[in-house]
Amino acid sequence: HEVWVESGAGLGIGASDRDYEAAGATISPDAKTIFAGCEMVVK
């Protein structure tokens, strides 16, 4: 599956954008991109 993560979403738990990229995720610049492009949004 594809995973899109808004940039900075994981900073509150100590997870950087680089950590998500290493996991195979795509970093998106903003929430608007996530809501527009994803079939499922997990919050």
ModelCIF file with pLDDT and N, C-alpha, C, O atoms, coordinates in Angstrom:
data_MODEL
#
_entry.id   MODEL 
#
_entity.id                         1 
_entity.type                       polymer 
_entity.pdbx_number_of_molecules   1 
#
_entity_poly.entity_id                      1 
_entity_poly.type                           'polypeptide(L)' 
_entity_poly.nstd_linkage                   no 
_entity_poly.nstd_monomer                   no 
_entity_poly.pdbx_seq_one_letter_code       HEVWVESGAGLGIGASDRDYEAAGATISPDAKTIFAGCEMVVK 
_entity_poly.pdbx_seq_one_letter_code_can   HEVWVESGAGLGIGASDRDYEAAGATISPDAKTIFAGCEMVVK 
_entity_poly.pdbx_strand_id                 A 
#
loop_
_entity_poly_seq.entity_id 
_entity_poly_seq.num 
_entity_poly_seq.mon_id 
_entity_poly_seq.hetero 
1 1  HIS n 
1 2  GLU n 
1 3  VAL n 
1 4  TRP n 
1 5  VAL n 
1 6  GLU n 
1 7  SER n 
1 8  GLY n 
1 9  ALA n 
1 10 GLY n 
1 11 LEU n 
1 12 GLY n 
1 13 ILE n 
1 14 GLY n 
1 15 ALA n 
1 16 SER n 
1 17 ASP n 
1 18 ARG n 
1 19 ASP n 
1 20 TYR n 
1 21 GLU n 
1 22 ALA n 
1 23 ALA n 
1 24 GLY n 
1 25 ALA n 
1 26 THR n 
1 27 ILE n 
1 28 SER n 
1 29 PRO n 
1 30 ASP n 
1 31 ALA n 
1 32 LYS n 
1 33 THR n 
1 34 ILE n 
1 35 PHE n 
1 36 ALA n 
1 37 GLY n 
1 38 CYS n 
1 39 GLU n 
1 40 MET n 
1 41 VAL n 
1 42 VAL n 
1 43 LYS n 
#
_struct_asym.id          A 
_struct_asym.entity_id   1 
#
loop_
_ma_qa_metric.id 
_ma_qa_metric.mode 
_ma_qa_metric.name 
_ma_qa_metric.software_group_id 
_ma_qa_metric.type 
1 global pLDDT . pLDDT 
2 local  pLDDT . pLDDT 
#
_ma_qa_metric_global.metric_id      1 
_ma_qa_metric_global.metric_value   97.93 
_ma_qa_metric_global.model_id       1 
_ma_qa_metric_global.ordinal_id     1 
#
loop_
_ma_qa_metric_local.label_asym_id 
_ma_qa_metric_local.label_comp_id 
_ma_qa_metric_local.label_seq_id 
_ma_qa_metric_local.metric_id 
_ma_qa_metric_local.metric_value 
_ma_qa_metric_local.model_id 
_ma_qa_metric_local.ordinal_id 
A HIS 1  2 98.00 1 1  
A GLU 2  2 98.00 1 2  
A VAL 3  2 98.00 1 3  
A TRP 4  2 98.00 1 4  
A VAL 5  2 98.00 1 5  
A GLU 6  2 98.00 1 6  
A SER 7  2 98.00 1 7  
A GLY 8  2 98.00 1 8  
A ALA 9  2 98.00 1 9  
A GLY 10 2 98.00 1 10 
A LEU 11 2 98.00 1 11 
A GLY 12 2 97.00 1 12 
A ILE 13 2 98.00 1 13 
A GLY 14 2 98.00 1 14 
A ALA 15 2 98.00 1 15 
A SER 16 2 98.00 1 16 
A ASP 17 2 98.00 1 17 
A ARG 18 2 98.00 1 18 
A ASP 19 2 98.00 1 19 
A TYR 20 2 98.00 1 20 
A GLU 21 2 98.00 1 21 
A ALA 22 2 98.00 1 22 
A ALA 23 2 98.00 1 23 
A GLY 24 2 98.00 1 24 
A ALA 25 2 98.00 1 25 
A THR 26 2 98.00 1 26 
A ILE 27 2 98.00 1 27 
A SER 28 2 98.00 1 28 
A PRO 29 2 97.00 1 29 
A ASP 30 2 97.00 1 30 
A ALA 31 2 98.00 1 31 
A LYS 32 2 98.00 1 32 
A THR 33 2 98.00 1 33 
A ILE 34 2 98.00 1 34 
A PHE 35 2 98.00 1 35 
A ALA 36 2 98.00 1 36 
A GLY 37 2 98.00 1 37 
A CYS 38 2 98.00 1 38 
A GLU 39 2 98.00 1 39 
A MET 40 2 98.00 1 40 
A VAL 41 2 98.00 1 41 
A VAL 42 2 98.00 1 42 
A LYS 43 2 98.00 1 43 
#
loop_
_atom_site.group_PDB 
_atom_site.id 
_atom_site.type_symbol 
_atom_site.label_atom_id 
_atom_site.label_alt_id 
_atom_site.label_comp_id 
_atom_site.label_asym_id 
_atom_site.label_entity_id 
_atom_site.label_seq_id 
_atom_site.pdbx_PDB_ins_code 
_atom_site.Cartn_x 
_atom_site.Cartn_y 
_atom_site.Cartn_z 
_atom_site.occupancy 
_atom_site.B_iso_or_equiv 
_atom_site.pdbx_formal_charge 
_atom_site.auth_seq_id 
_atom_site.auth_comp_id 
_atom_site.auth_asym_id 
_atom_site.auth_atom_id 
_atom_site.pdbx_PDB_model_num 
ATOM 1   N N  . HIS A 1 1  ? 0.830   -1.195 0.000  1.00 98.00 ? 1  HIS A N  1 
ATOM 2   C CA . HIS A 1 1  ? 0.000   0.000  0.000  1.00 98.00 ? 1  HIS A CA 1 
ATOM 3   C C  . HIS A 1 1  ? 0.872   1.255  0.000  1.00 98.00 ? 1  HIS A C  1 
ATOM 4   O O  . HIS A 1 1  ? 2.030   1.218  0.416  1.00 98.00 ? 1  HIS A O  1 
ATOM 5   N N  . GLU A 1 2  ? 0.312   2.345  -0.463 1.00 98.00 ? 2  GLU A N  1 
ATOM 6   C CA . GLU A 1 2  ? 0.986   3.637  -0.397 1.00 98.00 ? 2  GLU A CA 1 
ATOM 7   C C  . GLU A 1 2  ? 0.634   4.314  0.916  1.00 98.00 ? 2  GLU A C  1 
ATOM 8   O O  . GLU A 1 2  ? -0.505  4.236  1.378  1.00 98.00 ? 2  GLU A O  1 
ATOM 9   N N  . VAL A 1 3  ? 1.608   4.977  1.513  1.00 98.00 ? 3  VAL A N  1 
ATOM 10  C CA . VAL A 1 3  ? 1.376   5.741  2.728  1.00 98.00 ? 3  VAL A CA 1 
ATOM 11  C C  . VAL A 1 3  ? 1.872   7.163  2.502  1.00 98.00 ? 3  VAL A C  1 
ATOM 12  O O  . VAL A 1 3  ? 3.033   7.390  2.159  1.00 98.00 ? 3  VAL A O  1 
ATOM 13  N N  . TRP A 1 4  ? 0.968   8.110  2.701  1.00 98.00 ? 4  TRP A N  1 
ATOM 14  C CA . TRP A 1 4  ? 1.316   9.525  2.617  1.00 98.00 ? 4  TRP A CA 1 
ATOM 15  C C  . TRP A 1 4  ? 1.233   10.120 4.015  1.00 98.00 ? 4  TRP A C  1 
ATOM 16  O O  . TRP A 1 4  ? 0.267   9.893  4.743  1.00 98.00 ? 4  TRP A O  1 
ATOM 17  N N  . VAL A 1 5  ? 2.250   10.877 4.378  1.00 98.00 ? 5  VAL A N  1 
ATOM 18  C CA . VAL A 1 5  ? 2.327   11.470 5.707  1.00 98.00 ? 5  VAL A CA 1 
ATOM 19  C C  . VAL A 1 5  ? 2.580   12.968 5.564  1.00 98.00 ? 5  VAL A C  1 
ATOM 20  O O  . VAL A 1 5  ? 3.503   13.379 4.862  1.00 98.00 ? 5  VAL A O  1 
ATOM 21  N N  . GLU A 1 6  ? 1.762   13.782 6.228  1.00 98.00 ? 6  GLU A N  1 
ATOM 22  C CA . GLU A 1 6  ? 1.996   15.218 6.201  1.00 98.00 ? 6  GLU A CA 1 
ATOM 23  C C  . GLU A 1 6  ? 3.333   15.530 6.868  1.00 98.00 ? 6  GLU A C  1 
ATOM 24  O O  . GLU A 1 6  ? 3.650   14.964 7.914  1.00 98.00 ? 6  GLU A O  1 
ATOM 25  N N  . SER A 1 7  ? 4.100   16.407 6.284  1.00 98.00 ? 7  SER A N  1 
ATOM 26  C CA . SER A 1 7  ? 5.394   16.788 6.843  1.00 98.00 ? 7  SER A CA 1 
ATOM 27  C C  . SER A 1 7  ? 5.235   17.289 8.274  1.00 98.00 ? 7  SER A C  1 
ATOM 28  O O  . SER A 1 7  ? 4.422   18.170 8.554  1.00 98.00 ? 7  SER A O  1 
ATOM 29  N N  . GLY A 1 8  ? 6.030   16.709 9.173  1.00 98.00 ? 8  GLY A N  1 
ATOM 30  C CA . GLY A 1 8  ? 5.995   17.105 10.582 1.00 98.00 ? 8  GLY A CA 1 
ATOM 31  C C  . GLY A 1 8  ? 4.956   16.406 11.424 1.00 98.00 ? 8  GLY A C  1 
ATOM 32  O O  . GLY A 1 8  ? 4.851   16.671 12.622 1.00 98.00 ? 8  GLY A O  1 
ATOM 33  N N  . ALA A 1 9  ? 4.180   15.513 10.820 1.00 98.00 ? 9  ALA A N  1 
ATOM 34  C CA . ALA A 1 9  ? 3.083   14.875 11.568 1.00 98.00 ? 9  ALA A CA 1 
ATOM 35  C C  . ALA A 1 9  ? 3.574   14.081 12.767 1.00 98.00 ? 9  ALA A C  1 
ATOM 36  O O  . ALA A 1 9  ? 2.867   13.975 13.769 1.00 98.00 ? 9  ALA A O  1 
ATOM 37  N N  . GLY A 1 10 ? 4.782   13.519 12.677 1.00 98.00 ? 10 GLY A N  1 
ATOM 38  C CA . GLY A 1 10 ? 5.272   12.656 13.750 1.00 98.00 ? 10 GLY A CA 1 
ATOM 39  C C  . GLY A 1 10 ? 6.205   13.306 14.741 1.00 98.00 ? 10 GLY A C  1 
ATOM 40  O O  . GLY A 1 10 ? 6.727   12.637 15.633 1.00 98.00 ? 10 GLY A O  1 
ATOM 41  N N  . LEU A 1 11 ? 6.426   14.606 14.601 1.00 98.00 ? 11 LEU A N  1 
ATOM 42  C CA . LEU A 1 11 ? 7.411   15.257 15.466 1.00 98.00 ? 11 LEU A CA 1 
ATOM 43  C C  . LEU A 1 11 ? 7.040   15.165 16.942 1.00 98.00 ? 11 LEU A C  1 
ATOM 44  O O  . LEU A 1 11 ? 7.920   15.109 17.801 1.00 98.00 ? 11 LEU A O  1 
ATOM 45  N N  . GLY A 1 12 ? 5.749   15.150 17.237 1.00 97.00 ? 12 GLY A N  1 
ATOM 46  C CA . GLY A 1 12 ? 5.308   15.087 18.630 1.00 97.00 ? 12 GLY A CA 1 
ATOM 47  C C  . GLY A 1 12 ? 5.644   13.779 19.325 1.00 97.00 ? 12 GLY A C  1 
ATOM 48  O O  . GLY A 1 12 ? 5.643   13.714 20.554 1.00 97.00 ? 12 GLY A O  1 
ATOM 49  N N  . ILE A 1 13 ? 5.929   12.740 18.556 1.00 98.00 ? 13 ILE A N  1 
ATOM 50  C CA . ILE A 1 13 ? 6.332   11.462 19.158 1.00 98.00 ? 13 ILE A CA 1 
ATOM 51  C C  . ILE A 1 13 ? 7.809   11.176 18.887 1.00 98.00 ? 13 ILE A C  1 
ATOM 52  O O  . ILE A 1 13 ? 8.290   10.070 19.135 1.00 98.00 ? 13 ILE A O  1 
ATOM 53  N N  . GLY A 1 14 ? 8.522   12.183 18.376 1.00 98.00 ? 14 GLY A N  1 
ATOM 54  C CA . GLY A 1 14 ? 9.944   12.012 18.096 1.00 98.00 ? 14 GLY A CA 1 
ATOM 55  C C  . GLY A 1 14 ? 10.233  11.309 16.788 1.00 98.00 ? 14 GLY A C  1 
ATOM 56  O O  . GLY A 1 14 ? 11.324  10.767 16.611 1.00 98.00 ? 14 GLY A O  1 
ATOM 57  N N  . ALA A 1 15 ? 9.266   11.304 15.848 1.00 98.00 ? 15 ALA A N  1 
ATOM 58  C CA . ALA A 1 15 ? 9.437   10.651 14.545 1.00 98.00 ? 15 ALA A CA 1 
ATOM 59  C C  . ALA A 1 15 ? 9.590   11.729 13.469 1.00 98.00 ? 15 ALA A C  1 
ATOM 60  O O  . ALA A 1 15 ? 8.695   12.554 13.285 1.00 98.00 ? 15 ALA A O  1 
ATOM 61  N N  . SER A 1 16 ? 10.703  11.722 12.772 1.00 98.00 ? 16 SER A N  1 
ATOM 62  C CA . SER A 1 16 ? 10.980  12.730 11.748 1.00 98.00 ? 16 SER A CA 1 
ATOM 63  C C  . SER A 1 16 ? 10.431  12.295 10.396 1.00 98.00 ? 16 SER A C  1 
ATOM 64  O O  . SER A 1 16 ? 10.067  11.136 10.200 1.00 98.00 ? 16 SER A O  1 
ATOM 65  N N  . ASP A 1 17 ? 10.379  13.241 9.472  1.00 98.00 ? 17 ASP A N  1 
ATOM 66  C CA . ASP A 1 17 ? 9.993   12.905 8.098  1.00 98.00 ? 17 ASP A CA 1 
ATOM 67  C C  . ASP A 1 17 ? 10.924  11.838 7.536  1.00 98.00 ? 17 ASP A C  1 
ATOM 68  O O  . ASP A 1 17 ? 10.491  10.953 6.797  1.00 98.00 ? 17 ASP A O  1 
ATOM 69  N N  . ARG A 1 18 ? 12.195  11.927 7.887  1.00 98.00 ? 18 ARG A N  1 
ATOM 70  C CA . ARG A 1 18 ? 13.166  10.940 7.403  1.00 98.00 ? 18 ARG A CA 1 
ATOM 71  C C  . ARG A 1 18 ? 12.829  9.539  7.911  1.00 98.00 ? 18 ARG A C  1 
ATOM 72  O O  . ARG A 1 18 ? 13.005  8.558  7.189  1.00 98.00 ? 18 ARG A O  1 
ATOM 73  N N  . ASP A 1 19 ? 12.348  9.442  9.143  1.00 98.00 ? 19 ASP A N  1 
ATOM 74  C CA . ASP A 1 19 ? 11.949  8.130  9.683  1.00 98.00 ? 19 ASP A CA 1 
ATOM 75  C C  . ASP A 1 19 ? 10.810  7.526  8.847  1.00 98.00 ? 19 ASP A C  1 
ATOM 76  O O  . ASP A 1 19 ? 10.802  6.330  8.554  1.00 98.00 ? 19 ASP A O  1 
ATOM 77  N N  . TYR A 1 20 ? 9.855   8.380  8.472  1.00 98.00 ? 20 TYR A N  1 
ATOM 78  C CA . TYR A 1 20 ? 8.740   7.884  7.656  1.00 98.00 ? 20 TYR A CA 1 
ATOM 79  C C  . TYR A 1 20 ? 9.217   7.511  6.241  1.00 98.00 ? 20 TYR A C  1 
ATOM 80  O O  . TYR A 1 20 ? 8.771   6.512  5.677  1.00 98.00 ? 20 TYR A O  1 
ATOM 81  N N  . GLU A 1 21 ? 10.106  8.303  5.687  1.00 98.00 ? 21 GLU A N  1 
ATOM 82  C CA . GLU A 1 21 ? 10.630  7.985  4.355  1.00 98.00 ? 21 GLU A CA 1 
ATOM 83  C C  . GLU A 1 21 ? 11.391  6.668  4.373  1.00 98.00 ? 21 GLU A C  1 
ATOM 84  O O  . GLU A 1 21 ? 11.311  5.886  3.426  1.00 98.00 ? 21 GLU A O  1 
ATOM 85  N N  . ALA A 1 22 ? 12.130  6.422  5.453  1.00 98.00 ? 22 ALA A N  1 
ATOM 86  C CA . ALA A 1 22 ? 12.846  5.150  5.578  1.00 98.00 ? 22 ALA A CA 1 
ATOM 87  C C  . ALA A 1 22 ? 11.887  3.973  5.661  1.00 98.00 ? 22 ALA A C  1 
ATOM 88  O O  . ALA A 1 22 ? 12.247  2.847  5.320  1.00 98.00 ? 22 ALA A O  1 
ATOM 89  N N  . ALA A 1 23 ? 10.659  4.236  6.115  1.00 98.00 ? 23 ALA A N  1 
ATOM 90  C CA . ALA A 1 23 ? 9.631   3.192  6.197  1.00 98.00 ? 23 ALA A CA 1 
ATOM 91  C C  . ALA A 1 23 ? 8.865   3.034  4.884  1.00 98.00 ? 23 ALA A C  1 
ATOM 92  O O  . ALA A 1 23 ? 7.945   2.221  4.795  1.00 98.00 ? 23 ALA A O  1 
ATOM 93  N N  . GLY A 1 24 ? 9.239   3.803  3.876  1.00 98.00 ? 24 GLY A N  1 
ATOM 94  C CA . GLY A 1 24 ? 8.594   3.686  2.566  1.00 98.00 ? 24 GLY A CA 1 
ATOM 95  C C  . GLY A 1 24 ? 7.464   4.658  2.328  1.00 98.00 ? 24 GLY A C  1 
ATOM 96  O O  . GLY A 1 24 ? 6.781   4.569  1.308  1.00 98.00 ? 24 GLY A O  1 
ATOM 97  N N  . ALA A 1 25 ? 7.244   5.602  3.262  1.00 98.00 ? 25 ALA A N  1 
ATOM 98  C CA . ALA A 1 25 ? 6.152   6.558  3.115  1.00 98.00 ? 25 ALA A CA 1 
ATOM 99  C C  . ALA A 1 25 ? 6.575   7.740  2.246  1.00 98.00 ? 25 ALA A C  1 
ATOM 100 O O  . ALA A 1 25 ? 7.761   8.035  2.096  1.00 98.00 ? 25 ALA A O  1 
ATOM 101 N N  . THR A 1 26 ? 5.579   8.402  1.683  1.00 98.00 ? 26 THR A N  1 
ATOM 102 C CA . THR A 1 26 ? 5.778   9.637  0.927  1.00 98.00 ? 26 THR A CA 1 
ATOM 103 C C  . THR A 1 26 ? 5.420   10.815 1.815  1.00 98.00 ? 26 THR A C  1 
ATOM 104 O O  . THR A 1 26 ? 4.350   10.830 2.424  1.00 98.00 ? 26 THR A O  1 
ATOM 105 N N  . ILE A 1 27 ? 6.295   11.791 1.895  1.00 98.00 ? 27 ILE A N  1 
ATOM 106 C CA . ILE A 1 27 ? 6.029   12.974 2.705  1.00 98.00 ? 27 ILE A CA 1 
ATOM 107 C C  . ILE A 1 27 ? 5.297   14.001 1.855  1.00 98.00 ? 27 ILE A C  1 
ATOM 108 O O  . ILE A 1 27 ? 5.754   14.379 0.777  1.00 98.00 ? 27 ILE A O  1 
ATOM 109 N N  . SER A 1 28 ? 4.153   14.443 2.363  1.00 98.00 ? 28 SER A N  1 
ATOM 110 C CA . SER A 1 28 ? 3.335   15.431 1.667  1.00 98.00 ? 28 SER A CA 1 
ATOM 111 C C  . SER A 1 28 ? 3.505   16.791 2.338  1.00 98.00 ? 28 SER A C  1 
ATOM 112 O O  . SER A 1 28 ? 3.697   16.851 3.552  1.00 98.00 ? 28 SER A O  1 
ATOM 113 N N  . PRO A 1 29 ? 3.440   17.877 1.581  1.00 97.00 ? 29 PRO A N  1 
ATOM 114 C CA . PRO A 1 29 ? 3.722   19.196 2.149  1.00 97.00 ? 29 PRO A CA 1 
ATOM 115 C C  . PRO A 1 29 ? 2.666   19.709 3.114  1.00 97.00 ? 29 PRO A C  1 
ATOM 116 O O  . PRO A 1 29 ? 2.970   20.521 3.987  1.00 97.00 ? 29 PRO A O  1 
ATOM 117 N N  . ASP A 1 30 ? 1.431   19.246 2.968  1.00 97.00 ? 30 ASP A N  1 
ATOM 118 C CA . ASP A 1 30 ? 0.363   19.788 3.802  1.00 97.00 ? 30 ASP A CA 1 
ATOM 119 C C  . ASP A 1 30 ? -0.787  18.789 3.907  1.00 97.00 ? 30 ASP A C  1 
ATOM 120 O O  . ASP A 1 30 ? -0.824  17.777 3.208  1.00 97.00 ? 30 ASP A O  1 
ATOM 121 N N  . ALA A 1 31 ? -1.730  19.107 4.807  1.00 98.00 ? 31 ALA A N  1 
ATOM 122 C CA . ALA A 1 31 ? -2.880  18.233 5.007  1.00 98.00 ? 31 ALA A CA 1 
ATOM 123 C C  . ALA A 1 31 ? -3.781  18.215 3.782  1.00 98.00 ? 31 ALA A C  1 
ATOM 124 O O  . ALA A 1 31 ? -4.387  17.189 3.472  1.00 98.00 ? 31 ALA A O  1 
ATOM 125 N N  . LYS A 1 32 ? -3.873  19.330 3.092  1.00 98.00 ? 32 LYS A N  1 
ATOM 126 C CA . LYS A 1 32 ? -4.731  19.424 1.910  1.00 98.00 ? 32 LYS A CA 1 
ATOM 127 C C  . LYS A 1 32 ? -4.385  18.341 0.901  1.00 98.00 ? 32 LYS A C  1 
ATOM 128 O O  . LYS A 1 32 ? -5.274  17.737 0.301  1.00 98.00 ? 32 LYS A O  1 
ATOM 129 N N  . THR A 1 33 ? -3.094  18.096 0.716  1.00 98.00 ? 33 THR A N  1 
ATOM 130 C CA . THR A 1 33 ? -2.650  17.056 -0.222 1.00 98.00 ? 33 THR A CA 1 
ATOM 131 C C  . THR A 1 33 ? -3.120  15.681 0.231  1.00 98.00 ? 33 THR A C  1 
ATOM 132 O O  . THR A 1 33 ? -3.530  14.857 -0.586 1.00 98.00 ? 33 THR A O  1 
ATOM 133 N N  . ILE A 1 34 ? -3.058  15.436 1.543  1.00 98.00 ? 34 ILE A N  1 
ATOM 134 C CA . ILE A 1 34 ? -3.485  14.135 2.087  1.00 98.00 ? 34 ILE A CA 1 
ATOM 135 C C  . ILE A 1 34 ? -4.979  13.934 1.861  1.00 98.00 ? 34 ILE A C  1 
ATOM 136 O O  . ILE A 1 34 ? -5.399  12.902 1.338  1.00 98.00 ? 34 ILE A O  1 
ATOM 137 N N  . PHE A 1 35 ? -5.777  14.917 2.255  1.00 98.00 ? 35 PHE A N  1 
ATOM 138 C CA . PHE A 1 35 ? -7.229  14.777 2.125  1.00 98.00 ? 35 PHE A CA 1 
ATOM 139 C C  . PHE A 1 35 ? -7.658  14.660 0.659  1.00 98.00 ? 35 PHE A C  1 
ATOM 140 O O  . PHE A 1 35 ? -8.623  13.962 0.346  1.00 98.00 ? 35 PHE A O  1 
ATOM 141 N N  . ALA A 1 36 ? -6.954  15.331 -0.221 1.00 98.00 ? 36 ALA A N  1 
ATOM 142 C CA . ALA A 1 36 ? -7.322  15.292 -1.636 1.00 98.00 ? 36 ALA A CA 1 
ATOM 143 C C  . ALA A 1 36 ? -6.900  14.006 -2.318 1.00 98.00 ? 36 ALA A C  1 
ATOM 144 O O  . ALA A 1 36 ? -7.550  13.558 -3.263 1.00 98.00 ? 36 ALA A O  1 
ATOM 145 N N  . GLY A 1 37 ? -5.807  13.405 -1.840 1.00 98.00 ? 37 GLY A N  1 
ATOM 146 C CA . GLY A 1 37 ? -5.231  12.299 -2.596 1.00 98.00 ? 37 GLY A CA 1 
ATOM 147 C C  . GLY A 1 37 ? -5.377  10.918 -2.006 1.00 98.00 ? 37 GLY A C  1 
ATOM 148 O O  . GLY A 1 37 ? -5.104  9.933  -2.691 1.00 98.00 ? 37 GLY A O  1 
ATOM 149 N N  . CYS A 1 38 ? -5.801  10.808 -0.752 1.00 98.00 ? 38 CYS A N  1 
ATOM 150 C CA . CYS A 1 38 ? -5.815  9.501  -0.087 1.00 98.00 ? 38 CYS A CA 1 
ATOM 151 C C  . CYS A 1 38 ? -7.224  8.918  -0.011 1.00 98.00 ? 38 CYS A C  1 
ATOM 152 O O  . CYS A 1 38 ? -8.203  9.632  0.208  1.00 98.00 ? 38 CYS A O  1 
ATOM 153 N N  . GLU A 1 39 ? -7.297  7.608  -0.198 1.00 98.00 ? 39 GLU A N  1 
ATOM 154 C CA . GLU A 1 39 ? -8.573  6.896  -0.106 1.00 98.00 ? 39 GLU A CA 1 
ATOM 155 C C  . GLU A 1 39 ? -8.998  6.695  1.339  1.00 98.00 ? 39 GLU A C  1 
ATOM 156 O O  . GLU A 1 39 ? -10.191 6.650  1.642  1.00 98.00 ? 39 GLU A O  1 
ATOM 157 N N  . MET A 1 40 ? -8.022  6.576  2.229  1.00 98.00 ? 40 MET A N  1 
ATOM 158 C CA . MET A 1 40 ? -8.324  6.459  3.658  1.00 98.00 ? 40 MET A CA 1 
ATOM 159 C C  . MET A 1 40 ? -7.419  7.411  4.427  1.00 98.00 ? 40 MET A C  1 
ATOM 160 O O  . MET A 1 40 ? -6.215  7.471  4.180  1.00 98.00 ? 40 MET A O  1 
ATOM 161 N N  . VAL A 1 41 ? -8.004  8.154  5.361  1.00 98.00 ? 41 VAL A N  1 
ATOM 162 C CA . VAL A 1 41 ? -7.252  9.038  6.243  1.00 98.00 ? 41 VAL A CA 1 
ATOM 163 C C  . VAL A 1 41 ? -7.346  8.475  7.657  1.00 98.00 ? 41 VAL A C  1 
ATOM 164 O O  . VAL A 1 41 ? -8.438  8.266  8.185  1.00 98.00 ? 41 VAL A O  1 
ATOM 165 N N  . VAL A 1 42 ? -6.180  8.234  8.263  1.00 98.00 ? 42 VAL A N  1 
ATOM 166 C CA . VAL A 1 42 ? -6.106  7.686  9.615  1.00 98.00 ? 42 VAL A CA 1 
ATOM 167 C C  . VAL A 1 42 ? -5.640  8.797  10.545 1.00 98.00 ? 42 VAL A C  1 
ATOM 168 O O  . VAL A 1 42 ? -4.551  9.344  10.371 1.00 98.00 ? 42 VAL A O  1 
ATOM 169 N N  . LYS A 1 43 ? -6.469  9.131  11.537 1.00 98.00 ? 43 LYS A N  1 
ATOM 170 C CA . LYS A 1 43 ? -6.153  10.196 12.472 1.00 98.00 ? 43 LYS A CA 1 
ATOM 171 C C  . LYS A 1 43 ? -6.195  9.654  13.906 1.00 98.00 ? 43 LYS A C  1 
ATOM 172 O O  . LYS A 1 43 ? -5.955  10.400 14.855 1.00 98.00 ? 43 LYS A O  1 
#
